[in-house]
Amino acid sequence: MELQSHNVTQQPVCPACGNTSTHFLLRSLEHHYFNSAKRLCWEYGLQECSSCGLAWVEPRPTLELARSFYTSSYYPSRKSEAKTLKWSIIAREAAYPKRFPVLSSVAQILTGREVTYTLGLPLQLPRDSAMLELGYGSGSWLLSMFESGFRDLWGYDIDSNPVNADLLKSQGIKVSSGDFLQNSYPHDHFSCVRLEHVFEHLPNPGPVLKRCHELLRPDGLLVLTFPNRNSFSFRFGLHNCPMFQTPAHLFHHTRTSALRLLYDAGFREVGIKAKPVVEVFLRSIGSRYKWLSKIATSRVLTVALAPLYRGVSLLCRQGEFLSVWARK
């Protein structure tokens, strides 16, 4: 096995705020992969900024290396979610805002779950709106939007599952892969660009956000949901947290780092909210303390604690995930 070691000789600079006061959270992590039938090992670490709190994989991988983080089975093929109860509630509230003003709010309180901007805001747009999903994965969201009446739909993924891509193409959805920054898309065209659990995977988040800004029409919306570096789950035990999926998760963002990147990309209005997920927090506890693992995965405990955990997390402005909208 050949070791691909990249020693950092200069002090890394924070990709979000430009701060040079950084330190390693973890060192000597390894990613094993195959290239031309040869087994290779890439060594990396996790760096953290002392100013904005951003943590990232250092050194950053090339696009070719990043492709090895995923396989064709990474995104299993899924069906549309348009007929699920959650989708129906959000769609009805978007279609009839005066008739169902508190429908999703009640559901959020009872279940302890937040409706993200990546789910709620696109459904409020006119059906002739052009939408681009960056990192479409299984394709379930694009299929759901198609079934909901949207037709100008586009999807991009770094190295898409061919089964998923063919399914989307059969519905007239335009799909692409490869290098997003080099691909050709119409400028000032999209009413919404969506990144659902993709922001943390981007090798170059700053340039990608600037490209999204170029592709959006005036007043267009960028919506994102991604793991929160400052969540209780991350603070409780970094590598015990289910969201700690390095090297696939190249960046672990905070509110501060995300806002800095978005404003630097040219967005003029930004809204951000936390999404607590009690299951993730309990799994973090169970991973750190093995004797609590069975209790932490109890379905009864999860349902019982979800509303309380949501309330405490939102009071502290925390959550396992952050959901963001940004207007051009």
C-alpha atoms as a PDB file:
ATOM      1  CA  MET A   1       0.000   0.000   0.000  1.00  0.00           C
ATOM      2  CA  GLU A   2       1.350   3.402  -0.986  1.00  0.00           C
ATOM      3  CA  LEU A   3       1.081   6.295   1.471  1.00  0.00           C
ATOM      4  CA  GLN A   4       0.065   9.648  -0.002  1.00  0.00           C
ATOM      5  CA  SER A   5       1.353  12.002   2.700  1.00  0.00           C
ATOM      6  CA  HIS A   6       1.058  15.771   2.376  1.00  0.00           C
ATOM      7  CA  ASN A   7       2.827  17.546   5.211  1.00  0.00           C
ATOM      8  CA  VAL A   8       1.642  21.071   5.953  1.00  0.00           C
ATOM      9  CA  THR A   9       4.743  23.306   5.946  1.00  0.00           C
ATOM     10  CA  GLN A  10       2.959  26.665   6.266  1.00  0.00           C
ATOM     11  CA  GLN A  11       0.394  27.782   8.810  1.00  0.00           C
ATOM     12  CA  PRO A  12      -3.019  27.108   7.204  1.00  0.00           C
ATOM     13  CA  VAL A  13      -5.279  30.120   6.649  1.00  0.00           C
ATOM     14  CA  CYS A  14      -8.981  29.872   7.508  1.00  0.00           C
ATOM     15  CA  PRO A  15     -10.961  29.562   4.238  1.00  0.00           C
ATOM     16  CA  ALA A  16     -13.868  31.542   5.731  1.00  0.00           C
ATOM     17  CA  CYS A  17     -12.394  34.512   7.616  1.00  0.00           C
ATOM     18  CA  GLY A  18      -8.728  34.484   6.543  1.00  0.00           C
ATOM     19  CA  ASN A  19      -7.483  34.112  10.109  1.00  0.00           C
ATOM     20  CA  THR A  20      -4.006  32.557  10.507  1.00  0.00           C
ATOM     21  CA  SER A  21      -4.532  31.582  14.147  1.00  0.00           C
ATOM     22  CA  THR A  22      -5.472  27.936  13.585  1.00  0.00           C
ATOM     23  CA  HIS A  23      -4.628  24.614  15.196  1.00  0.00           C
ATOM     24  CA  PHE A  24      -5.103  20.899  14.571  1.00  0.00           C
ATOM     25  CA  LEU A  25      -8.038  19.222  16.320  1.00  0.00           C
ATOM     26  CA  LEU A  26      -7.006  15.806  15.000  1.00  0.00           C
ATOM     27  CA  ARG A  27      -3.906  14.544  13.218  1.00  0.00           C
ATOM     28  CA  SER A  28      -2.828  11.466  11.279  1.00  0.00           C
ATOM     29  CA  LEU A  29      -6.265  10.494   9.942  1.00  0.00           C
ATOM     30  CA  GLU A  30      -6.252   8.133   6.948  1.00  0.00           C
ATOM     31  CA  HIS A  31      -8.410   7.556   3.878  1.00  0.00           C
ATOM     32  CA  HIS A  32      -7.845   4.327   1.925  1.00  0.00           C
ATOM     33  CA  TYR A  33      -8.812   4.069  -1.734  1.00  0.00           C
ATOM     34  CA  PHE A  34      -7.873   2.405  -5.023  1.00  0.00           C
ATOM     35  CA  ASN A  35      -6.373   4.067  -8.089  1.00  0.00           C
ATOM     36  CA  SER A  36      -5.461   1.993 -11.171  1.00  0.00           C
ATOM     37  CA  ALA A  37      -5.789  -1.211  -9.114  1.00  0.00           C
ATOM     38  CA  LYS A  38      -3.277   0.171  -6.604  1.00  0.00           C
ATOM     39  CA  ARG A  39      -4.320   0.581  -2.951  1.00  0.00           C
ATOM     40  CA  LEU A  40      -3.404   4.035  -1.678  1.00  0.00           C
ATOM     41  CA  CYS A  41      -3.606   5.809   1.660  1.00  0.00           C
ATOM     42  CA  TRP A  42      -4.136   9.562   1.965  1.00  0.00           C
ATOM     43  CA  GLU A  43      -3.130  11.119   5.281  1.00  0.00           C
ATOM     44  CA  TYR A  44      -4.823  14.263   6.563  1.00  0.00           C
ATOM     45  CA  GLY A  45      -5.826  16.151   9.687  1.00  0.00           C
ATOM     46  CA  LEU A  46      -8.664  18.349  10.952  1.00  0.00           C
ATOM     47  CA  GLN A  47      -7.795  22.023  11.375  1.00  0.00           C
ATOM     48  CA  GLU A  48      -9.817  24.589  13.367  1.00  0.00           C
ATOM     49  CA  CYS A  49      -9.966  28.400  13.184  1.00  0.00           C
ATOM     50  CA  SER A  50      -9.728  30.142  16.570  1.00  0.00           C
ATOM     51  CA  SER A  51     -11.775  33.098  15.277  1.00  0.00           C
ATOM     52  CA  CYS A  52     -14.879  31.843  13.403  1.00  0.00           C
ATOM     53  CA  GLY A  53     -14.751  28.242  14.657  1.00  0.00           C
ATOM     54  CA  LEU A  54     -14.665  26.618  11.209  1.00  0.00           C
ATOM     55  CA  ALA A  55     -13.033  23.176  11.119  1.00  0.00           C
ATOM     56  CA  TRP A  56     -11.766  21.684   7.871  1.00  0.00           C
ATOM     57  CA  VAL A  57      -9.758  18.842   6.372  1.00  0.00           C
ATOM     58  CA  GLU A  58      -6.140  19.814   5.826  1.00  0.00           C
ATOM     59  CA  PRO A  59      -4.620  19.432   3.295  1.00  0.00           C
ATOM     60  CA  ARG A  60      -7.598  19.846   1.009  1.00  0.00           C
ATOM     61  CA  PRO A  61      -8.061  17.045  -1.564  1.00  0.00           C
ATOM     62  CA  THR A  62      -8.051  17.377  -5.322  1.00  0.00           C
ATOM     63  CA  LEU A  63     -11.343  16.839  -7.175  1.00  0.00           C
ATOM     64  CA  GLU A  64     -10.094  13.423  -8.322  1.00  0.00           C
ATOM     65  CA  LEU A  65      -9.279  12.395  -4.758  1.00  0.00           C
ATOM     66  CA  ALA A  66     -12.617  13.740  -3.491  1.00  0.00           C
ATOM     67  CA  ARG A  67     -14.411  11.440  -5.939  1.00  0.00           C
ATOM     68  CA  SER A  68     -12.903   8.448  -4.106  1.00  0.00           C
ATOM     69  CA  PHE A  69     -14.855   9.429  -0.975  1.00  0.00           C
ATOM     70  CA  TYR A  70     -18.052   8.248  -2.690  1.00  0.00           C
ATOM     71  CA  THR A  71     -19.158   5.075  -4.426  1.00  0.00           C
ATOM     72  CA  SER A  72     -22.173   4.326  -6.608  1.00  0.00           C
ATOM     73  CA  SER A  73     -23.916   3.027  -3.477  1.00  0.00           C
ATOM     74  CA  TYR A  74     -23.314   6.238  -1.489  1.00  0.00           C
ATOM     75  CA  TYR A  75     -26.680   7.573  -2.671  1.00  0.00           C
ATOM     76  CA  PRO A  76     -29.187   4.736  -2.890  1.00  0.00           C
ATOM     77  CA  SER A  77     -31.988   5.124  -5.400  1.00  0.00           C
ATOM     78  CA  ARG A  78     -35.130   6.542  -3.796  1.00  0.00           C
ATOM     79  CA  LYS A  79     -38.644   7.332  -4.817  1.00  0.00           C
ATOM     80  CA  SER A  80     -40.379  10.685  -4.694  1.00  0.00           C
ATOM     81  CA  GLU A  81     -41.311  12.066  -1.269  1.00  0.00           C
ATOM     82  CA  ALA A  82     -44.229  14.105  -2.622  1.00  0.00           C
ATOM     83  CA  LYS A  83     -46.792  11.737  -1.094  1.00  0.00           C
ATOM     84  CA  THR A  84     -45.286  11.635   2.408  1.00  0.00           C
ATOM     85  CA  LEU A  85     -47.101  13.303   5.309  1.00  0.00           C
ATOM     86  CA  LYS A  86     -44.267  15.776   5.950  1.00  0.00           C
ATOM     87  CA  TRP A  87     -44.198  16.918   2.318  1.00  0.00           C
ATOM     88  CA  SER A  88     -47.997  17.212   2.220  1.00  0.00           C
ATOM     89  CA  ILE A  89     -48.085  19.430   5.314  1.00  0.00           C
ATOM     90  CA  ILE A  90     -45.407  21.788   3.995  1.00  0.00           C
ATOM     91  CA  ALA A  91     -46.934  21.902   0.512  1.00  0.00           C
ATOM     92  CA  ARG A  92     -50.391  22.742   1.868  1.00  0.00           C
ATOM     93  CA  GLU A  93     -49.062  25.510   4.076  1.00  0.00           C
ATOM     94  CA  ALA A  94     -47.121  26.945   1.123  1.00  0.00           C
ATOM     95  CA  ALA A  95     -50.194  26.816  -1.124  1.00  0.00           C
ATOM     96  CA  TYR A  96     -52.664  28.134   1.470  1.00  0.00           C
ATOM     97  CA  PRO A  97     -50.697  30.375   3.877  1.00  0.00           C
ATOM     98  CA  LYS A  98     -53.849  32.021   5.256  1.00  0.00           C
ATOM     99  CA  ARG A  99     -55.799  28.802   5.640  1.00  0.00           C
ATOM    100  CA  PHE A 100     -53.043  26.758   7.284  1.00  0.00           C
ATOM    101  CA  PRO A 101     -50.957  29.397   9.117  1.00  0.00           C
ATOM    102  CA  VAL A 102     -49.799  27.202  12.001  1.00  0.00           C
ATOM    103  CA  LEU A 103     -49.972  23.701  10.557  1.00  0.00           C
ATOM    104  CA  SER A 104     -46.227  23.078  10.352  1.00  0.00           C
ATOM    105  CA  SER A 105     -45.563  24.994  13.598  1.00  0.00           C
ATOM    106  CA  VAL A 106     -47.786  22.628  15.566  1.00  0.00           C
ATOM    107  CA  ALA A 107     -46.158  19.612  13.903  1.00  0.00           C
ATOM    108  CA  GLN A 108     -42.693  20.955  14.767  1.00  0.00           C
ATOM    109  CA  ILE A 109     -43.581  21.452  18.432  1.00  0.00           C
ATOM    110  CA  LEU A 110     -45.164  18.011  18.809  1.00  0.00           C
ATOM    111  CA  THR A 111     -42.424  16.103  16.995  1.00  0.00           C
ATOM    112  CA  GLY A 112     -39.472  18.220  18.130  1.00  0.00           C
ATOM    113  CA  ARG A 113     -38.364  18.685  14.521  1.00  0.00           C
ATOM    114  CA  GLU A 114     -37.755  21.844  12.525  1.00  0.00           C
ATOM    115  CA  VAL A 115     -38.875  22.411   8.934  1.00  0.00           C
ATOM    116  CA  THR A 116     -35.744  23.478   7.089  1.00  0.00           C
ATOM    117  CA  TYR A 117     -35.570  26.295   4.564  1.00  0.00           C
ATOM    118  CA  THR A 118     -34.374  23.753   1.989  1.00  0.00           C
ATOM    119  CA  LEU A 119     -37.747  22.026   2.247  1.00  0.00           C
ATOM    120  CA  GLY A 120     -40.172  24.876   2.917  1.00  0.00           C
ATOM    121  CA  LEU A 121     -39.003  27.828   0.814  1.00  0.00           C
ATOM    122  CA  PRO A 122     -38.765  26.182  -2.659  1.00  0.00           C
ATOM    123  CA  LEU A 123     -42.377  25.016  -2.388  1.00  0.00           C
ATOM    124  CA  GLN A 124     -43.511  28.626  -1.924  1.00  0.00           C
ATOM    125  CA  LEU A 125     -42.177  29.647  -5.355  1.00  0.00           C
ATOM    126  CA  PRO A 126     -44.267  29.723  -8.566  1.00  0.00           C
ATOM    127  CA  ARG A 127     -44.425  26.440 -10.487  1.00  0.00           C
ATOM    128  CA  ASP A 128     -42.600  27.952 -13.479  1.00  0.00           C
ATOM    129  CA  SER A 129     -39.533  28.784 -11.327  1.00  0.00           C
ATOM    130  CA  ALA A 130     -36.190  27.366 -12.436  1.00  0.00           C
ATOM    131  CA  MET A 131     -34.460  25.358  -9.709  1.00  0.00           C
ATOM    132  CA  LEU A 132     -31.005  23.846  -9.427  1.00  0.00           C
ATOM    133  CA  GLU A 133     -30.109  21.244  -6.813  1.00  0.00           C
ATOM    134  CA  LEU A 134     -26.397  21.118  -6.171  1.00  0.00           C
ATOM    135  CA  GLY A 135     -25.633  17.580  -5.023  1.00  0.00           C
ATOM    136  CA  TYR A 136     -28.897  15.848  -5.894  1.00  0.00           C
ATOM    137  CA  GLY A 137     -27.791  12.433  -4.548  1.00  0.00           C
ATOM    138  CA  SER A 138     -30.691  10.003  -4.753  1.00  0.00           C
ATOM    139  CA  GLY A 139     -32.739  12.498  -6.779  1.00  0.00           C
ATOM    140  CA  SER A 140     -35.744  12.178  -4.461  1.00  0.00           C
ATOM    141  CA  TRP A 141     -36.161  15.940  -3.967  1.00  0.00           C
ATOM    142  CA  LEU A 142     -36.086  16.691  -7.706  1.00  0.00           C
ATOM    143  CA  LEU A 143     -38.615  13.915  -8.344  1.00  0.00           C
ATOM    144  CA  SER A 144     -40.826  15.291  -5.578  1.00  0.00           C
ATOM    145  CA  MET A 145     -40.672  18.792  -7.048  1.00  0.00           C
ATOM    146  CA  PHE A 146     -41.541  17.362 -10.479  1.00  0.00           C
ATOM    147  CA  GLU A 147     -44.595  15.617  -9.034  1.00  0.00           C
ATOM    148  CA  SER A 148     -45.533  18.904  -7.338  1.00  0.00           C
ATOM    149  CA  GLY A 149     -45.741  20.653 -10.723  1.00  0.00           C
ATOM    150  CA  PHE A 150     -42.267  22.155 -11.211  1.00  0.00           C
ATOM    151  CA  ARG A 151     -40.755  21.561 -14.644  1.00  0.00           C
ATOM    152  CA  ASP A 152     -37.601  23.717 -15.039  1.00  0.00           C
ATOM    153  CA  LEU A 153     -35.495  21.468 -12.809  1.00  0.00           C
ATOM    154  CA  TRP A 154     -31.726  20.966 -12.880  1.00  0.00           C
ATOM    155  CA  GLY A 155     -29.456  18.702 -10.845  1.00  0.00           C
ATOM    156  CA  TYR A 156     -25.704  18.443 -10.327  1.00  0.00           C
ATOM    157  CA  ASP A 157     -23.619  15.820  -8.520  1.00  0.00           C
ATOM    158  CA  ILE A 158     -19.862  15.296  -8.414  1.00  0.00           C
ATOM    159  CA  ASP A 159     -20.071  11.662  -9.574  1.00  0.00           C
ATOM    160  CA  SER A 160     -23.691  10.660  -9.852  1.00  0.00           C
ATOM    161  CA  ASN A 161     -25.214   7.213  -9.507  1.00  0.00           C
ATOM    162  CA  PRO A 162     -26.138   6.320 -13.130  1.00  0.00           C
ATOM    163  CA  VAL A 163     -29.433   4.718 -12.058  1.00  0.00           C
ATOM    164  CA  ASN A 164     -30.495   7.910 -10.305  1.00  0.00           C
ATOM    165  CA  ALA A 165     -29.330  10.082 -13.222  1.00  0.00           C
ATOM    166  CA  ASP A 166     -31.282   8.029 -15.784  1.00  0.00           C
ATOM    167  CA  LEU A 167     -34.419   8.224 -13.668  1.00  0.00           C
ATOM    168  CA  LEU A 168     -34.189  12.012 -13.485  1.00  0.00           C
ATOM    169  CA  LYS A 169     -33.483  12.358 -17.207  1.00  0.00           C
ATOM    170  CA  SER A 170     -36.553  10.268 -17.992  1.00  0.00           C
ATOM    171  CA  GLN A 171     -38.642  13.012 -16.344  1.00  0.00           C
ATOM    172  CA  GLY A 172     -36.987  15.779 -18.362  1.00  0.00           C
ATOM    173  CA  ILE A 173     -34.777  16.924 -15.477  1.00  0.00           C
ATOM    174  CA  LYS A 174     -31.407  18.261 -16.662  1.00  0.00           C
ATOM    175  CA  VAL A 175     -28.512  16.571 -14.829  1.00  0.00           C
ATOM    176  CA  SER A 176     -24.763  17.168 -14.865  1.00  0.00           C
ATOM    177  CA  SER A 177     -21.660  15.972 -13.025  1.00  0.00           C
ATOM    178  CA  GLY A 178     -17.914  16.640 -12.902  1.00  0.00           C
ATOM    179  CA  ASP A 179     -16.495  20.050 -11.939  1.00  0.00           C
ATOM    180  CA  PHE A 180     -19.353  22.390 -11.011  1.00  0.00           C
ATOM    181  CA  LEU A 181     -17.166  25.487 -11.402  1.00  0.00           C
ATOM    182  CA  GLN A 182     -16.292  24.516 -14.982  1.00  0.00           C
ATOM    183  CA  ASN A 183     -19.726  23.296 -16.113  1.00  0.00           C
ATOM    184  CA  SER A 184     -21.931  25.510 -18.274  1.00  0.00           C
ATOM    185  CA  TYR A 185     -25.206  26.801 -16.799  1.00  0.00           C
ATOM    186  CA  PRO A 186     -27.359  29.811 -17.734  1.00  0.00           C
ATOM    187  CA  HIS A 187     -26.543  32.935 -15.718  1.00  0.00           C
ATOM    188  CA  ASP A 188     -29.259  34.918 -13.903  1.00  0.00           C
ATOM    189  CA  HIS A 189     -31.661  32.049 -14.610  1.00  0.00           C
ATOM    190  CA  PHE A 190     -32.516  30.210 -11.403  1.00  0.00           C
ATOM    191  CA  SER A 191     -35.084  31.315  -8.847  1.00  0.00           C
ATOM    192  CA  CYS A 192     -33.644  28.883  -6.308  1.00  0.00           C
ATOM    193  CA  VAL A 193     -30.401  26.955  -5.850  1.00  0.00           C
ATOM    194  CA  ARG A 194     -30.548  24.233  -3.200  1.00  0.00           C
ATOM    195  CA  LEU A 195     -27.754  22.555  -1.213  1.00  0.00           C
ATOM    196  CA  GLU A 196     -29.155  19.916   1.145  1.00  0.00           C
ATOM    197  CA  HIS A 197     -26.307  18.419   3.199  1.00  0.00           C
ATOM    198  CA  VAL A 198     -23.854  19.395   0.467  1.00  0.00           C
ATOM    199  CA  PHE A 199     -22.159  22.523   1.837  1.00  0.00           C
ATOM    200  CA  GLU A 200     -19.937  20.417   4.104  1.00  0.00           C
ATOM    201  CA  HIS A 201     -18.756  18.321   1.120  1.00  0.00           C
ATOM    202  CA  LEU A 202     -17.550  21.186  -1.093  1.00  0.00           C
ATOM    203  CA  PRO A 203     -13.758  21.299  -1.659  1.00  0.00           C
ATOM    204  CA  ASN A 204     -14.001  25.053  -2.392  1.00  0.00           C
ATOM    205  CA  PRO A 205     -17.098  26.495  -0.686  1.00  0.00           C
ATOM    206  CA  GLY A 206     -16.245  30.146  -1.372  1.00  0.00           C
ATOM    207  CA  PRO A 207     -15.960  29.877  -5.177  1.00  0.00           C
ATOM    208  CA  VAL A 208     -19.016  27.568  -5.306  1.00  0.00           C
ATOM    209  CA  LEU A 209     -21.161  30.119  -3.444  1.00  0.00           C
ATOM    210  CA  LYS A 210     -19.986  32.867  -5.809  1.00  0.00           C
ATOM    211  CA  ARG A 211     -20.921  30.682  -8.791  1.00  0.00           C
ATOM    212  CA  CYS A 212     -24.363  30.065  -7.281  1.00  0.00           C
ATOM    213  CA  HIS A 213     -24.761  33.826  -6.884  1.00  0.00           C
ATOM    214  CA  GLU A 214     -24.000  34.276 -10.599  1.00  0.00           C
ATOM    215  CA  LEU A 215     -26.542  31.646 -11.632  1.00  0.00           C
ATOM    216  CA  LEU A 216     -29.387  33.088  -9.543  1.00  0.00           C
ATOM    217  CA  ARG A 217     -31.728  35.650 -11.036  1.00  0.00           C
ATOM    218  CA  PRO A 218     -32.157  38.981  -9.178  1.00  0.00           C
ATOM    219  CA  ASP A 219     -33.874  38.305  -5.824  1.00  0.00           C
ATOM    220  CA  GLY A 220     -33.201  34.580  -6.306  1.00  0.00           C
ATOM    221  CA  LEU A 221     -32.762  32.359  -3.251  1.00  0.00           C
ATOM    222  CA  LEU A 222     -29.956  30.082  -2.173  1.00  0.00           C
ATOM    223  CA  VAL A 223     -31.086  27.569   0.475  1.00  0.00           C
ATOM    224  CA  LEU A 224     -28.741  25.331   2.468  1.00  0.00           C
ATOM    225  CA  THR A 225     -28.860  22.823   5.319  1.00  0.00           C
ATOM    226  CA  PHE A 226     -25.638  21.477   6.845  1.00  0.00           C
ATOM    227  CA  PRO A 227     -24.175  20.145  10.140  1.00  0.00           C
ATOM    228  CA  ASN A 228     -23.430  22.664  12.880  1.00  0.00           C
ATOM    229  CA  ARG A 229     -19.887  22.540  14.287  1.00  0.00           C
ATOM    230  CA  ASN A 230     -21.088  24.205  17.513  1.00  0.00           C
ATOM    231  CA  SER A 231     -23.962  21.807  18.191  1.00  0.00           C
ATOM    232  CA  PHE A 232     -24.262  19.949  21.484  1.00  0.00           C
ATOM    233  CA  SER A 233     -23.503  16.707  19.632  1.00  0.00           C
ATOM    234  CA  PHE A 234     -20.206  18.011  18.236  1.00  0.00           C
ATOM    235  CA  ARG A 235     -19.204  19.596  21.520  1.00  0.00           C
ATOM    236  CA  PHE A 236     -20.012  16.446  23.444  1.00  0.00           C
ATOM    237  CA  GLY A 237     -17.631  14.259  21.488  1.00  0.00           C
ATOM    238  CA  LEU A 238     -16.093  15.301  18.179  1.00  0.00           C
ATOM    239  CA  HIS A 239     -15.325  11.961  16.528  1.00  0.00           C
ATOM    240  CA  ASN A 240     -18.152  10.222  18.421  1.00  0.00           C
ATOM    241  CA  CYS A 241     -20.709  12.418  16.667  1.00  0.00           C
ATOM    242  CA  PRO A 242     -22.591  10.788  13.742  1.00  0.00           C
ATOM    243  CA  MET A 243     -22.062  14.016  11.743  1.00  0.00           C
ATOM    244  CA  PHE A 244     -18.287  13.586  11.947  1.00  0.00           C
ATOM    245  CA  GLN A 245     -17.885  11.966   8.542  1.00  0.00           C
ATOM    246  CA  THR A 246     -14.395  12.911   7.443  1.00  0.00           C
ATOM    247  CA  PRO A 247     -13.001  13.082   4.878  1.00  0.00           C
ATOM    248  CA  ALA A 248     -16.333  13.211   2.994  1.00  0.00           C
ATOM    249  CA  HIS A 249     -17.297  16.151   5.247  1.00  0.00           C
ATOM    250  CA  LEU A 250     -14.454  18.449   4.265  1.00  0.00           C
ATOM    251  CA  PHE A 251     -15.796  21.394   6.289  1.00  0.00           C
ATOM    252  CA  HIS A 252     -17.543  21.645   9.649  1.00  0.00           C
ATOM    253  CA  HIS A 253     -19.246  25.037   9.582  1.00  0.00           C
ATOM    254  CA  THR A 254     -20.422  27.365  12.325  1.00  0.00           C
ATOM    255  CA  ARG A 255     -22.939  30.213  12.076  1.00  0.00           C
ATOM    256  CA  THR A 256     -20.077  32.699  11.886  1.00  0.00           C
ATOM    257  CA  SER A 257     -18.116  30.902   9.174  1.00  0.00           C
ATOM    258  CA  ALA A 258     -21.211  30.294   7.021  1.00  0.00           C
ATOM    259  CA  LEU A 259     -22.356  33.917   7.240  1.00  0.00           C
ATOM    260  CA  ARG A 260     -18.877  35.159   6.370  1.00  0.00           C
ATOM    261  CA  LEU A 261     -18.693  32.961   3.260  1.00  0.00           C
ATOM    262  CA  LEU A 262     -22.191  33.953   2.097  1.00  0.00           C
ATOM    263  CA  TYR A 263     -21.640  37.699   2.460  1.00  0.00           C
ATOM    264  CA  ASP A 264     -18.241  37.420   0.765  1.00  0.00           C
ATOM    265  CA  ALA A 265     -19.974  35.643  -2.144  1.00  0.00           C
ATOM    266  CA  GLY A 266     -22.205  38.695  -2.683  1.00  0.00           C
ATOM    267  CA  PHE A 267     -25.487  37.746  -0.998  1.00  0.00           C
ATOM    268  CA  ARG A 268     -27.225  40.791   0.467  1.00  0.00           C
ATOM    269  CA  GLU A 269     -29.750  39.165   2.831  1.00  0.00           C
ATOM    270  CA  VAL A 270     -29.212  36.040   4.903  1.00  0.00           C
ATOM    271  CA  GLY A 271     -31.443  34.193   7.375  1.00  0.00           C
ATOM    272  CA  ILE A 272     -30.275  31.306   9.528  1.00  0.00           C
ATOM    273  CA  LYS A 273     -31.917  28.966  12.055  1.00  0.00           C
ATOM    274  CA  ALA A 274     -30.949  25.872  14.000  1.00  0.00           C
ATOM    275  CA  LYS A 275     -32.424  22.409  13.504  1.00  0.00           C
ATOM    276  CA  PRO A 276     -32.080  20.252  16.640  1.00  0.00           C
ATOM    277  CA  VAL A 277     -32.205  16.468  16.145  1.00  0.00           C
ATOM    278  CA  VAL A 278     -32.377  14.556  19.402  1.00  0.00           C
ATOM    279  CA  GLU A 279     -31.550  11.222  17.721  1.00  0.00           C
ATOM    280  CA  VAL A 280     -28.130  12.544  16.712  1.00  0.00           C
ATOM    281  CA  PHE A 281     -27.436  13.850  20.209  1.00  0.00           C
ATOM    282  CA  LEU A 282     -28.414  10.549  21.821  1.00  0.00           C
ATOM    283  CA  ARG A 283     -26.297   8.586  19.357  1.00  0.00           C
ATOM    284  CA  SER A 284     -23.321  10.820  20.223  1.00  0.00           C
ATOM    285  CA  ILE A 285     -23.815   9.945  23.893  1.00  0.00           C
ATOM    286  CA  GLY A 286     -24.190   6.254  23.093  1.00  0.00           C
ATOM    287  CA  SER A 287     -21.015   6.243  20.980  1.00  0.00           C
ATOM    288  CA  ARG A 288     -18.981   7.935  23.693  1.00  0.00           C
ATOM    289  CA  TYR A 289     -20.351   5.911  26.602  1.00  0.00           C
ATOM    290  CA  LYS A 290     -20.957   2.349  25.433  1.00  0.00           C
ATOM    291  CA  TRP A 291     -22.908   1.443  28.570  1.00  0.00           C
ATOM    292  CA  LEU A 292     -25.516   4.028  27.511  1.00  0.00           C
ATOM    293  CA  SER A 293     -25.781   2.839  23.895  1.00  0.00           C
ATOM    294  CA  LYS A 294     -28.958   0.758  24.343  1.00  0.00           C
ATOM    295  CA  ILE A 295     -30.729   3.502  26.295  1.00  0.00           C
ATOM    296  CA  ALA A 296     -29.634   6.181  23.810  1.00  0.00           C
ATOM    297  CA  THR A 297     -31.152   4.282  20.863  1.00  0.00           C
ATOM    298  CA  SER A 298     -34.483   3.689  22.582  1.00  0.00           C
ATOM    299  CA  ARG A 299     -37.336   4.813  20.348  1.00  0.00           C
ATOM    300  CA  VAL A 300     -39.530   5.613  23.357  1.00  0.00           C
ATOM    301  CA  LEU A 301     -36.837   7.846  24.888  1.00  0.00           C
ATOM    302  CA  THR A 302     -36.258   9.598  21.569  1.00  0.00           C
ATOM    303  CA  VAL A 303     -39.932  10.465  21.078  1.00  0.00           C
ATOM    304  CA  ALA A 304     -40.324  11.575  24.692  1.00  0.00           C
ATOM    305  CA  LEU A 305     -37.254  13.829  24.713  1.00  0.00           C
ATOM    306  CA  ALA A 306     -37.621  15.333  21.226  1.00  0.00           C
ATOM    307  CA  PRO A 307     -39.917  18.315  22.120  1.00  0.00           C
ATOM    308  CA  LEU A 308     -37.886  19.154  25.243  1.00  0.00           C
ATOM    309  CA  TYR A 309     -34.569  18.902  23.422  1.00  0.00           C
ATOM    310  CA  ARG A 310     -35.900  21.109  20.616  1.00  0.00           C
ATOM    311  CA  GLY A 311     -36.993  23.765  23.108  1.00  0.00           C
ATOM    312  CA  VAL A 312     -33.684  23.828  25.001  1.00  0.00           C
ATOM    313  CA  SER A 313     -31.642  23.842  21.781  1.00  0.00           C
ATOM    314  CA  LEU A 314     -33.581  26.708  20.209  1.00  0.00           C
ATOM    315  CA  LEU A 315     -33.382  28.684  23.457  1.00  0.00           C
ATOM    316  CA  CYS A 316     -29.602  28.323  23.252  1.00  0.00           C
ATOM    317  CA  ARG A 317     -29.694  29.025  19.474  1.00  0.00           C
ATOM    318  CA  GLN A 318     -28.156  25.619  18.869  1.00  0.00           C
ATOM    319  CA  GLY A 319     -28.990  22.549  16.834  1.00  0.00           C
ATOM    320  CA  GLU A 320     -27.325  19.623  15.117  1.00  0.00           C
ATOM    321  CA  PHE A 321     -27.906  21.332  11.759  1.00  0.00           C
ATOM    322  CA  LEU A 322     -28.137  24.883  10.469  1.00  0.00           C
ATOM    323  CA  SER A 323     -30.668  25.875   7.818  1.00  0.00           C
ATOM    324  CA  VAL A 324     -29.969  29.012   5.781  1.00  0.00           C
ATOM    325  CA  TRP A 325     -31.556  31.166   3.102  1.00  0.00           C
ATOM    326  CA  ALA A 326     -29.628  33.853   1.228  1.00  0.00           C
ATOM    327  CA  ARG A 327     -31.011  36.341  -1.285  1.00  0.00           C
ATOM    328  CA  LYS A 328     -29.114  37.709  -4.273  1.00  0.00           C
END
